[in-house]
Amino acid sequence: MSGDDEDLSAFLQSFGFAEEELNGALDDLNSFRTIPGTTIERYMNRVINTIEEEDRDAFLKGIMMGVTIRKAVDALTEPGLTEEEMRIAREIEKLRSSE
């Protein structure tokens, strides 16, 4: 497991999920990769079409929570500067130091 996976596992276990439950869910989520030609979209459609009507609300909430968490993580991690941005920063620094 990578550090991120262990952090997620510890986070979910803090809500009372057992390690066995987490491993089972992870195995299920990764199983789509073993089916030739299956994309994540096709896998999602298959899952959505097999969910019992009374479980659809909980499933949707889970997806929305996942997307929200992903957006929060992305907002916290700022990507590095591109070559062009670094070049502009150097030019600005040159202009400042020449004053």
PDB file of N, CA and C in Angstrom:
ATOM      1  N   MET A   1       0.837  -1.192   0.000  1.00  0.00           N
ATOM      2  CA  MET A   1       0.000   0.000   0.000  1.00  0.00           C
ATOM      3  C   MET A   1       0.872   1.242   0.000  1.00  0.00           C
ATOM      4  N   SER A   2       0.459   2.233  -0.740  1.00  0.00           N
ATOM      5  CA  SER A   2       1.200   3.490  -0.720  1.00  0.00           C
ATOM      6  C   SER A   2       0.766   4.313   0.484  1.00  0.00           C
ATOM      7  N   GLY A   3       1.496   5.404   0.746  1.00  0.00           N
ATOM      8  CA  GLY A   3       1.159   6.269   1.870  1.00  0.00           C
ATOM      9  C   GLY A   3      -0.247   6.830   1.764  1.00  0.00           C
ATOM     10  N   ASP A   4      -0.649   7.212   0.536  1.00  0.00           N
ATOM     11  CA  ASP A   4      -1.993   7.756   0.342  1.00  0.00           C
ATOM     12  C   ASP A   4      -3.058   6.705   0.638  1.00  0.00           C
ATOM     13  N   ASP A   5      -2.809   5.461   0.197  1.00  0.00           N
ATOM     14  CA  ASP A   5      -3.760   4.389   0.457  1.00  0.00           C
ATOM     15  C   ASP A   5      -3.888   4.122   1.954  1.00  0.00           C
ATOM     16  N   GLU A   6      -2.754   4.156   2.657  1.00  0.00           N
ATOM     17  CA  GLU A   6      -2.783   3.922   4.099  1.00  0.00           C
ATOM     18  C   GLU A   6      -3.501   5.051   4.818  1.00  0.00           C
ATOM     19  N   ASP A   7      -3.305   6.290   4.368  1.00  0.00           N
ATOM     20  CA  ASP A   7      -4.014   7.427   4.964  1.00  0.00           C
ATOM     21  C   ASP A   7      -5.516   7.277   4.767  1.00  0.00           C
ATOM     22  N   LEU A   8      -5.930   6.894   3.558  1.00  0.00           N
ATOM     23  CA  LEU A   8      -7.350   6.706   3.275  1.00  0.00           C
ATOM     24  C   LEU A   8      -7.908   5.565   4.116  1.00  0.00           C
ATOM     25  N   SER A   9      -7.156   4.480   4.215  1.00  0.00           N
ATOM     26  CA  SER A   9      -7.601   3.345   5.009  1.00  0.00           C
ATOM     27  C   SER A   9      -7.792   3.749   6.472  1.00  0.00           C
ATOM     28  N   ALA A  10      -6.820   4.452   7.046  1.00  0.00           N
ATOM     29  CA  ALA A  10      -6.926   4.898   8.437  1.00  0.00           C
ATOM     30  C   ALA A  10      -8.103   5.853   8.602  1.00  0.00           C
ATOM     31  N   PHE A  11      -8.286   6.744   7.636  1.00  0.00           N
ATOM     32  CA  PHE A  11      -9.399   7.698   7.681  1.00  0.00           C
ATOM     33  C   PHE A  11     -10.735   6.959   7.706  1.00  0.00           C
ATOM     34  N   LEU A  12     -10.899   5.989   6.816  1.00  0.00           N
ATOM     35  CA  LEU A  12     -12.162   5.253   6.756  1.00  0.00           C
ATOM     36  C   LEU A  12     -12.348   4.359   7.973  1.00  0.00           C
ATOM     37  N   GLN A  13     -11.266   3.794   8.481  1.00  0.00           N
ATOM     38  CA  GLN A  13     -11.379   2.975   9.681  1.00  0.00           C
ATOM     39  C   GLN A  13     -11.796   3.812  10.884  1.00  0.00           C
ATOM     40  N   SER A  14     -11.448   5.096  10.878  1.00  0.00           N
ATOM     41  CA  SER A  14     -11.850   5.963  11.990  1.00  0.00           C
ATOM     42  C   SER A  14     -13.369   6.136  12.048  1.00  0.00           C
ATOM     43  N   PHE A  15     -14.059   5.804  10.963  1.00  0.00           N
ATOM     44  CA  PHE A  15     -15.517   5.862  10.942  1.00  0.00           C
ATOM     45  C   PHE A  15     -16.145   4.513  11.255  1.00  0.00           C
ATOM     46  N   GLY A  16     -15.301   3.533  11.589  1.00  0.00           N
ATOM     47  CA  GLY A  16     -15.819   2.233  11.992  1.00  0.00           C
ATOM     48  C   GLY A  16     -15.788   1.159  10.926  1.00  0.00           C
ATOM     49  N   PHE A  17     -15.231   1.448   9.760  1.00  0.00           N
ATOM     50  CA  PHE A  17     -15.123   0.418   8.727  1.00  0.00           C
ATOM     51  C   PHE A  17     -13.959  -0.503   9.059  1.00  0.00           C
ATOM     52  N   ALA A  18     -14.189  -1.809   8.928  1.00  0.00           N
ATOM     53  CA  ALA A  18     -13.146  -2.792   9.205  1.00  0.00           C
ATOM     54  C   ALA A  18     -12.197  -2.878   8.014  1.00  0.00           C
ATOM     55  N   GLU A  19     -10.958  -3.271   8.285  1.00  0.00           N
ATOM     56  CA  GLU A  19      -9.960  -3.404   7.217  1.00  0.00           C
ATOM     57  C   GLU A  19     -10.432  -4.398   6.155  1.00  0.00           C
ATOM     58  N   GLU A  20     -11.097  -5.476   6.594  1.00  0.00           N
ATOM     59  CA  GLU A  20     -11.605  -6.474   5.651  1.00  0.00           C
ATOM     60  C   GLU A  20     -12.650  -5.860   4.718  1.00  0.00           C
ATOM     61  N   GLU A  21     -13.506  -4.993   5.272  1.00  0.00           N
ATOM     62  CA  GLU A  21     -14.512  -4.317   4.438  1.00  0.00           C
ATOM     63  C   GLU A  21     -13.836  -3.437   3.393  1.00  0.00           C
ATOM     64  N   LEU A  22     -12.830  -2.698   3.830  1.00  0.00           N
ATOM     65  CA  LEU A  22     -12.120  -1.802   2.920  1.00  0.00           C
ATOM     66  C   LEU A  22     -11.417  -2.582   1.821  1.00  0.00           C
ATOM     67  N   ASN A  23     -10.762  -3.678   2.188  1.00  0.00           N
ATOM     68  CA  ASN A  23     -10.074  -4.497   1.186  1.00  0.00           C
ATOM     69  C   ASN A  23     -11.059  -5.102   0.195  1.00  0.00           C
ATOM     70  N   GLY A  24     -12.209  -5.548   0.693  1.00  0.00           N
ATOM     71  CA  GLY A  24     -13.233  -6.107  -0.192  1.00  0.00           C
ATOM     72  C   GLY A  24     -13.767  -5.076  -1.168  1.00  0.00           C
ATOM     73  N   ALA A  25     -14.020  -3.862  -0.664  1.00  0.00           N
ATOM     74  CA  ALA A  25     -14.513  -2.793  -1.532  1.00  0.00           C
ATOM     75  C   ALA A  25     -13.466  -2.417  -2.562  1.00  0.00           C
ATOM     76  N   LEU A  26     -12.204  -2.347  -2.140  1.00  0.00           N
ATOM     77  CA  LEU A  26     -11.125  -2.002  -3.068  1.00  0.00           C
ATOM     78  C   LEU A  26     -10.981  -3.066  -4.147  1.00  0.00           C
ATOM     79  N   ASP A  27     -11.056  -4.329  -3.759  1.00  0.00           N
ATOM     80  CA  ASP A  27     -10.986  -5.419  -4.741  1.00  0.00           C
ATOM     81  C   ASP A  27     -12.132  -5.308  -5.747  1.00  0.00           C
ATOM     82  N   ASP A  28     -13.345  -5.026  -5.250  1.00  0.00           N
ATOM     83  CA  ASP A  28     -14.500  -4.872  -6.144  1.00  0.00           C
ATOM     84  C   ASP A  28     -14.291  -3.711  -7.107  1.00  0.00           C
ATOM     85  N   LEU A  29     -13.790  -2.600  -6.586  1.00  0.00           N
ATOM     86  CA  LEU A  29     -13.600  -1.423  -7.433  1.00  0.00           C
ATOM     87  C   LEU A  29     -12.526  -1.644  -8.487  1.00  0.00           C
ATOM     88  N   ASN A  30     -11.521  -2.421  -8.167  1.00  0.00           N
ATOM     89  CA  ASN A  30     -10.450  -2.683  -9.120  1.00  0.00           C
ATOM     90  C   ASN A  30     -10.764  -3.819 -10.084  1.00  0.00           C
ATOM     91  N   SER A  31     -11.836  -4.561  -9.834  1.00  0.00           N
ATOM     92  CA  SER A  31     -12.159  -5.720 -10.660  1.00  0.00           C
ATOM     93  C   SER A  31     -12.504  -5.349 -12.096  1.00  0.00           C
ATOM     94  N   PHE A  32     -12.984  -4.145 -12.331  1.00  0.00           N
ATOM     95  CA  PHE A  32     -13.358  -3.771 -13.695  1.00  0.00           C
ATOM     96  C   PHE A  32     -12.154  -3.834 -14.633  1.00  0.00           C
ATOM     97  N   ARG A  33     -10.960  -3.653 -14.089  1.00  0.00           N
ATOM     98  CA  ARG A  33      -9.752  -3.665 -14.923  1.00  0.00           C
ATOM     99  C   ARG A  33      -9.456  -5.041 -15.496  1.00  0.00           C
ATOM    100  N   THR A  34      -9.996  -6.096 -14.889  1.00  0.00           N
ATOM    101  CA  THR A  34      -9.726  -7.456 -15.353  1.00  0.00           C
ATOM    102  C   THR A  34     -10.631  -7.867 -16.504  1.00  0.00           C
ATOM    103  N   ILE A  35     -11.629  -7.057 -16.827  1.00  0.00           N
ATOM    104  CA  ILE A  35     -12.571  -7.379 -17.897  1.00  0.00           C
ATOM    105  C   ILE A  35     -12.139  -6.627 -19.150  1.00  0.00           C
ATOM    106  N   PRO A  36     -11.692  -7.329 -20.177  1.00  0.00           N
ATOM    107  CA  PRO A  36     -11.231  -6.646 -21.394  1.00  0.00           C
ATOM    108  C   PRO A  36     -12.296  -5.701 -21.962  1.00  0.00           C
ATOM    109  N   GLY A  37     -11.869  -4.501 -22.303  1.00  0.00           N
ATOM    110  CA  GLY A  37     -12.764  -3.521 -22.916  1.00  0.00           C
ATOM    111  C   GLY A  37     -13.635  -2.748 -21.936  1.00  0.00           C
ATOM    112  N   THR A  38     -13.514  -3.039 -20.656  1.00  0.00           N
ATOM    113  CA  THR A  38     -14.341  -2.342 -19.674  1.00  0.00           C
ATOM    114  C   THR A  38     -13.634  -1.077 -19.223  1.00  0.00           C
ATOM    115  N   THR A  39     -14.349   0.022 -19.332  1.00  0.00           N
ATOM    116  CA  THR A  39     -13.850   1.307 -18.859  1.00  0.00           C
ATOM    117  C   THR A  39     -14.516   1.612 -17.526  1.00  0.00           C
ATOM    118  N   ILE A  40     -14.024   2.631 -16.855  1.00  0.00           N
ATOM    119  CA  ILE A  40     -14.636   3.007 -15.577  1.00  0.00           C
ATOM    120  C   ILE A  40     -16.096   3.429 -15.803  1.00  0.00           C
ATOM    121  N   GLU A  41     -16.386   4.065 -16.942  1.00  0.00           N
ATOM    122  CA  GLU A  41     -17.771   4.469 -17.237  1.00  0.00           C
ATOM    123  C   GLU A  41     -18.672   3.248 -17.399  1.00  0.00           C
ATOM    124  N   ARG A  42     -18.207   2.250 -18.133  1.00  0.00           N
ATOM    125  CA  ARG A  42     -19.008   1.034 -18.305  1.00  0.00           C
ATOM    126  C   ARG A  42     -19.206   0.324 -16.967  1.00  0.00           C
ATOM    127  N   TYR A  43     -18.144   0.299 -16.163  1.00  0.00           N
ATOM    128  CA  TYR A  43     -18.236  -0.329 -14.854  1.00  0.00           C
ATOM    129  C   TYR A  43     -19.254   0.403 -13.980  1.00  0.00           C
ATOM    130  N   MET A  44     -19.186   1.729 -13.982  1.00  0.00           N
ATOM    131  CA  MET A  44     -20.144   2.528 -13.206  1.00  0.00           C
ATOM    132  C   MET A  44     -21.575   2.237 -13.663  1.00  0.00           C
ATOM    133  N   ASN A  45     -21.788   2.195 -14.977  1.00  0.00           N
ATOM    134  CA  ASN A  45     -23.129   1.896 -15.485  1.00  0.00           C
ATOM    135  C   ASN A  45     -23.602   0.528 -15.010  1.00  0.00           C
ATOM    136  N   ARG A  46     -22.707  -0.447 -15.019  1.00  0.00           N
ATOM    137  CA  ARG A  46     -23.079  -1.790 -14.565  1.00  0.00           C
ATOM    138  C   ARG A  46     -23.458  -1.762 -13.087  1.00  0.00           C
ATOM    139  N   VAL A  47     -22.664  -1.066 -12.282  1.00  0.00           N
ATOM    140  CA  VAL A  47     -22.952  -0.979 -10.845  1.00  0.00           C
ATOM    141  C   VAL A  47     -24.278  -0.258 -10.613  1.00  0.00           C
ATOM    142  N   ILE A  48     -24.456   0.879 -11.263  1.00  0.00           N
ATOM    143  CA  ILE A  48     -25.683   1.669 -11.074  1.00  0.00           C
ATOM    144  C   ILE A  48     -26.915   0.873 -11.470  1.00  0.00           C
ATOM    145  N   ASN A  49     -26.797   0.101 -12.541  1.00  0.00           N
ATOM    146  CA  ASN A  49     -27.943  -0.682 -13.007  1.00  0.00           C
ATOM    147  C   ASN A  49     -28.252  -1.884 -12.129  1.00  0.00           C
ATOM    148  N   THR A  50     -27.331  -2.271 -11.249  1.00  0.00           N
ATOM    149  CA  THR A  50     -27.586  -3.421 -10.379  1.00  0.00           C
ATOM    150  C   THR A  50     -27.903  -3.023  -8.947  1.00  0.00           C
ATOM    151  N   ILE A  51     -27.893  -1.737  -8.657  1.00  0.00           N
ATOM    152  CA  ILE A  51     -28.192  -1.274  -7.300  1.00  0.00           C
ATOM    153  C   ILE A  51     -29.688  -1.338  -7.056  1.00  0.00           C
ATOM    154  N   GLU A  52     -30.042  -1.835  -5.896  1.00  0.00           N
ATOM    155  CA  GLU A  52     -31.450  -1.859  -5.513  1.00  0.00           C
ATOM    156  C   GLU A  52     -31.948  -0.427  -5.372  1.00  0.00           C
ATOM    157  N   GLU A  53     -33.187  -0.205  -5.674  1.00  0.00           N
ATOM    158  CA  GLU A  53     -33.782   1.138  -5.664  1.00  0.00           C
ATOM    159  C   GLU A  53     -33.544   1.853  -4.332  1.00  0.00           C
ATOM    160  N   GLU A  54     -33.684   1.145  -3.223  1.00  0.00           N
ATOM    161  CA  GLU A  54     -33.539   1.787  -1.909  1.00  0.00           C
ATOM    162  C   GLU A  54     -32.074   2.128  -1.584  1.00  0.00           C
ATOM    163  N   ASP A  55     -31.127   1.584  -2.341  1.00  0.00           N
ATOM    164  CA  ASP A  55     -29.703   1.863  -2.099  1.00  0.00           C
ATOM    165  C   ASP A  55     -29.142   2.956  -3.018  1.00  0.00           C
ATOM    166  N   ARG A  56     -29.902   3.387  -3.994  1.00  0.00           N
ATOM    167  CA  ARG A  56     -29.406   4.378  -4.960  1.00  0.00           C
ATOM    168  C   ARG A  56     -29.043   5.709  -4.292  1.00  0.00           C
ATOM    169  N   ASP A  57     -29.843   6.143  -3.327  1.00  0.00           N
ATOM    170  CA  ASP A  57     -29.581   7.402  -2.648  1.00  0.00           C
ATOM    171  C   ASP A  57     -28.240   7.356  -1.909  1.00  0.00           C
ATOM    172  N   ALA A  58     -28.003   6.262  -1.190  1.00  0.00           N
ATOM    173  CA  ALA A  58     -26.743   6.115  -0.452  1.00  0.00           C
ATOM    174  C   ALA A  58     -25.558   6.044  -1.411  1.00  0.00           C
ATOM    175  N   PHE A  59     -25.723   5.347  -2.525  1.00  0.00           N
ATOM    176  CA  PHE A  59     -24.657   5.245  -3.521  1.00  0.00           C
ATOM    177  C   PHE A  59     -24.326   6.615  -4.100  1.00  0.00           C
ATOM    178  N   LEU A  60     -25.347   7.374  -4.439  1.00  0.00           N
ATOM    179  CA  LEU A  60     -25.148   8.715  -4.982  1.00  0.00           C
ATOM    180  C   LEU A  60     -24.448   9.615  -3.965  1.00  0.00           C
ATOM    181  N   LYS A  61     -24.860   9.537  -2.718  1.00  0.00           N
ATOM    182  CA  LYS A  61     -24.197  10.326  -1.673  1.00  0.00           C
ATOM    183  C   LYS A  61     -22.718   9.949  -1.564  1.00  0.00           C
ATOM    184  N   GLY A  62     -22.423   8.669  -1.680  1.00  0.00           N
ATOM    185  CA  GLY A  62     -21.038   8.215  -1.622  1.00  0.00           C
ATOM    186  C   GLY A  62     -20.209   8.773  -2.768  1.00  0.00           C
ATOM    187  N   ILE A  63     -20.777   8.766  -3.955  1.00  0.00           N
ATOM    188  CA  ILE A  63     -20.076   9.337  -5.110  1.00  0.00           C
ATOM    189  C   ILE A  63     -19.845  10.829  -4.900  1.00  0.00           C
ATOM    190  N   MET A  64     -20.871  11.519  -4.434  1.00  0.00           N
ATOM    191  CA  MET A  64     -20.745  12.966  -4.226  1.00  0.00           C
ATOM    192  C   MET A  64     -19.694  13.278  -3.157  1.00  0.00           C
ATOM    193  N   MET A  65     -19.634  12.481  -2.088  1.00  0.00           N
ATOM    194  CA  MET A  65     -18.618  12.674  -1.057  1.00  0.00           C
ATOM    195  C   MET A  65     -17.223  12.462  -1.636  1.00  0.00           C
ATOM    196  N   GLY A  66     -17.074  11.433  -2.447  1.00  0.00           N
ATOM    197  CA  GLY A  66     -15.784  11.155  -3.065  1.00  0.00           C
ATOM    198  C   GLY A  66     -15.316  12.293  -3.956  1.00  0.00           C
ATOM    199  N   VAL A  67     -16.230  12.816  -4.755  1.00  0.00           N
ATOM    200  CA  VAL A  67     -15.889  13.940  -5.637  1.00  0.00           C
ATOM    201  C   VAL A  67     -15.529  15.169  -4.812  1.00  0.00           C
ATOM    202  N   THR A  68     -16.279  15.422  -3.756  1.00  0.00           N
ATOM    203  CA  THR A  68     -16.007  16.576  -2.893  1.00  0.00           C
ATOM    204  C   THR A  68     -14.634  16.457  -2.233  1.00  0.00           C
ATOM    205  N   ILE A  69     -14.324  15.282  -1.734  1.00  0.00           N
ATOM    206  CA  ILE A  69     -13.019  15.061  -1.111  1.00  0.00           C
ATOM    207  C   ILE A  69     -11.909  15.243  -2.135  1.00  0.00           C
ATOM    208  N   ARG A  70     -12.090  14.713  -3.337  1.00  0.00           N
ATOM    209  CA  ARG A  70     -11.079  14.842  -4.394  1.00  0.00           C
ATOM    210  C   ARG A  70     -10.837  16.307  -4.736  1.00  0.00           C
ATOM    211  N   LYS A  71     -11.917  17.090  -4.842  1.00  0.00           N
ATOM    212  CA  LYS A  71     -11.776  18.515  -5.144  1.00  0.00           C
ATOM    213  C   LYS A  71     -11.044  19.241  -4.024  1.00  0.00           C
ATOM    214  N   ALA A  72     -11.322  18.878  -2.780  1.00  0.00           N
ATOM    215  CA  ALA A  72     -10.646  19.508  -1.650  1.00  0.00           C
ATOM    216  C   ALA A  72      -9.157  19.190  -1.673  1.00  0.00           C
ATOM    217  N   VAL A  73      -8.807  17.950  -1.963  1.00  0.00           N
ATOM    218  CA  VAL A  73      -7.397  17.557  -2.039  1.00  0.00           C
ATOM    219  C   VAL A  73      -6.709  18.299  -3.181  1.00  0.00           C
ATOM    220  N   ASP A  74      -7.361  18.368  -4.324  1.00  0.00           N
ATOM    221  CA  ASP A  74      -6.782  19.072  -5.467  1.00  0.00           C
ATOM    222  C   ASP A  74      -6.563  20.548  -5.161  1.00  0.00           C
ATOM    223  N   ALA A  75      -7.474  21.141  -4.401  1.00  0.00           N
ATOM    224  CA  ALA A  75      -7.349  22.564  -4.056  1.00  0.00           C
ATOM    225  C   ALA A  75      -6.172  22.799  -3.114  1.00  0.00           C
ATOM    226  N   LEU A  76      -5.815  21.791  -2.326  1.00  0.00           N
ATOM    227  CA  LEU A  76      -4.714  21.926  -1.373  1.00  0.00           C
ATOM    228  C   LEU A  76      -3.349  21.707  -2.012  1.00  0.00           C
ATOM    229  N   THR A  77      -3.334  20.985  -3.106  1.00  0.00           N
ATOM    230  CA  THR A  77      -2.060  20.686  -3.768  1.00  0.00           C
ATOM    231  C   THR A  77      -1.920  21.556  -5.002  1.00  0.00           C
ATOM    232  N   GLU A  78      -1.022  22.507  -4.919  1.00  0.00           N
ATOM    233  CA  GLU A  78      -0.795  23.417  -6.031  1.00  0.00           C
ATOM    234  C   GLU A  78       0.254  22.822  -6.954  1.00  0.00           C
ATOM    235  N   PRO A  79      -0.027  22.756  -8.241  1.00  0.00           N
ATOM    236  CA  PRO A  79       0.959  22.188  -9.161  1.00  0.00           C
ATOM    237  C   PRO A  79       2.187  23.096  -9.268  1.00  0.00           C
ATOM    238  N   GLY A  80       3.316  22.499  -9.635  1.00  0.00           N
ATOM    239  CA  GLY A  80       4.542  23.261  -9.818  1.00  0.00           C
ATOM    240  C   GLY A  80       4.430  24.211 -10.998  1.00  0.00           C
ATOM    241  N   LEU A  81       5.314  25.183 -11.035  1.00  0.00           N
ATOM    242  CA  LEU A  81       5.308  26.156 -12.126  1.00  0.00           C
ATOM    243  C   LEU A  81       5.760  25.502 -13.424  1.00  0.00           C
ATOM    244  N   THR A  82       5.181  25.935 -14.516  1.00  0.00           N
ATOM    245  CA  THR A  82       5.605  25.475 -15.830  1.00  0.00           C
ATOM    246  C   THR A  82       6.885  26.216 -16.204  1.00  0.00           C
ATOM    247  N   GLU A  83       7.546  25.763 -17.245  1.00  0.00           N
ATOM    248  CA  GLU A  83       8.761  26.441 -17.728  1.00  0.00           C
ATOM    249  C   GLU A  83       8.475  27.900 -18.049  1.00  0.00           C
ATOM    250  N   GLU A  84       7.353  28.149 -18.684  1.00  0.00           N
ATOM    251  CA  GLU A  84       6.987  29.520 -19.062  1.00  0.00           C
ATOM    252  C   GLU A  84       6.762  30.385 -17.821  1.00  0.00           C
ATOM    253  N   GLU A  85       6.081  29.834 -16.818  1.00  0.00           N
ATOM    254  CA  GLU A  85       5.845  30.583 -15.579  1.00  0.00           C
ATOM    255  C   GLU A  85       7.157  30.872 -14.850  1.00  0.00           C
ATOM    256  N   MET A  86       8.078  29.912 -14.869  1.00  0.00           N
ATOM    257  CA  MET A  86       9.381  30.137 -14.227  1.00  0.00           C
ATOM    258  C   MET A  86      10.163  31.220 -14.982  1.00  0.00           C
ATOM    259  N   ARG A  87      10.085  31.202 -16.305  1.00  0.00           N
ATOM    260  CA  ARG A  87      10.771  32.211 -17.110  1.00  0.00           C
ATOM    261  C   ARG A  87      10.230  33.605 -16.797  1.00  0.00           C
ATOM    262  N   ILE A  88       8.919  33.714 -16.703  1.00  0.00           N
ATOM    263  CA  ILE A  88       8.292  35.003 -16.385  1.00  0.00           C
ATOM    264  C   ILE A  88       8.696  35.451 -14.984  1.00  0.00           C
ATOM    265  N   ALA A  89       8.728  34.537 -14.033  1.00  0.00           N
ATOM    266  CA  ALA A  89       9.132  34.875 -12.662  1.00  0.00           C
ATOM    267  C   ALA A  89      10.576  35.385 -12.635  1.00  0.00           C
ATOM    268  N   ARG A  90      11.456  34.764 -13.423  1.00  0.00           N
ATOM    269  CA  ARG A  90      12.850  35.231 -13.492  1.00  0.00           C
ATOM    270  C   ARG A  90      12.929  36.628 -14.096  1.00  0.00           C
ATOM    271  N   GLU A  91      12.153  36.874 -15.133  1.00  0.00           N
ATOM    272  CA  GLU A  91      12.141  38.186 -15.776  1.00  0.00           C
ATOM    273  C   GLU A  91      11.651  39.253 -14.794  1.00  0.00           C
ATOM    274  N   ILE A  92      10.603  38.926 -14.053  1.00  0.00           N
ATOM    275  CA  ILE A  92      10.072  39.886 -13.061  1.00  0.00           C
ATOM    276  C   ILE A  92      11.124  40.153 -12.001  1.00  0.00           C
ATOM    277  N   GLU A  93      11.808  39.112 -11.552  1.00  0.00           N
ATOM    278  CA  GLU A  93      12.854  39.284 -10.533  1.00  0.00           C
ATOM    279  C   GLU A  93      13.991  40.141 -11.074  1.00  0.00           C
ATOM    280  N   LYS A  94      14.363  39.965 -12.338  1.00  0.00           N
ATOM    281  CA  LYS A  94      15.409  40.797 -12.963  1.00  0.00           C
ATOM    282  C   LYS A  94      14.982  42.269 -12.965  1.00  0.00           C
ATOM    283  N   LEU A  95      13.730  42.503 -13.331  1.00  0.00           N
ATOM    284  CA  LEU A  95      13.224  43.880 -13.383  1.00  0.00           C
ATOM    285  C   LEU A  95      13.236  44.499 -11.985  1.00  0.00           C
ATOM    286  N   ARG A  96      12.851  43.745 -10.971  1.00  0.00           N
ATOM    287  CA  ARG A  96      12.842  44.244  -9.604  1.00  0.00           C
ATOM    288  C   ARG A  96      14.255  44.569  -9.109  1.00  0.00           C
ATOM    289  N   SER A  97      15.199  43.701  -9.419  1.00  0.00           N
ATOM    290  CA  SER A  97      16.565  43.897  -8.933  1.00  0.00           C
ATOM    291  C   SER A  97      17.293  45.013  -9.689  1.00  0.00           C
ATOM    292  N   SER A  98      16.828  45.361 -10.886  1.00  0.00           N
ATOM    293  CA  SER A  98      17.483  46.440 -11.653  1.00  0.00           C
ATOM    294  C   SER A  98      16.998  47.817 -11.228  1.00  0.00           C
ATOM    295  N   GLU A  99      15.971  47.881 -10.415  1.00  0.00           N
ATOM    296  CA  GLU A  99      15.424  49.173  -9.989  1.00  0.00           C
ATOM    297  C   GLU A  99      16.213  49.796  -8.889  1.00  0.00           C
TER     298      GLU A  99
END
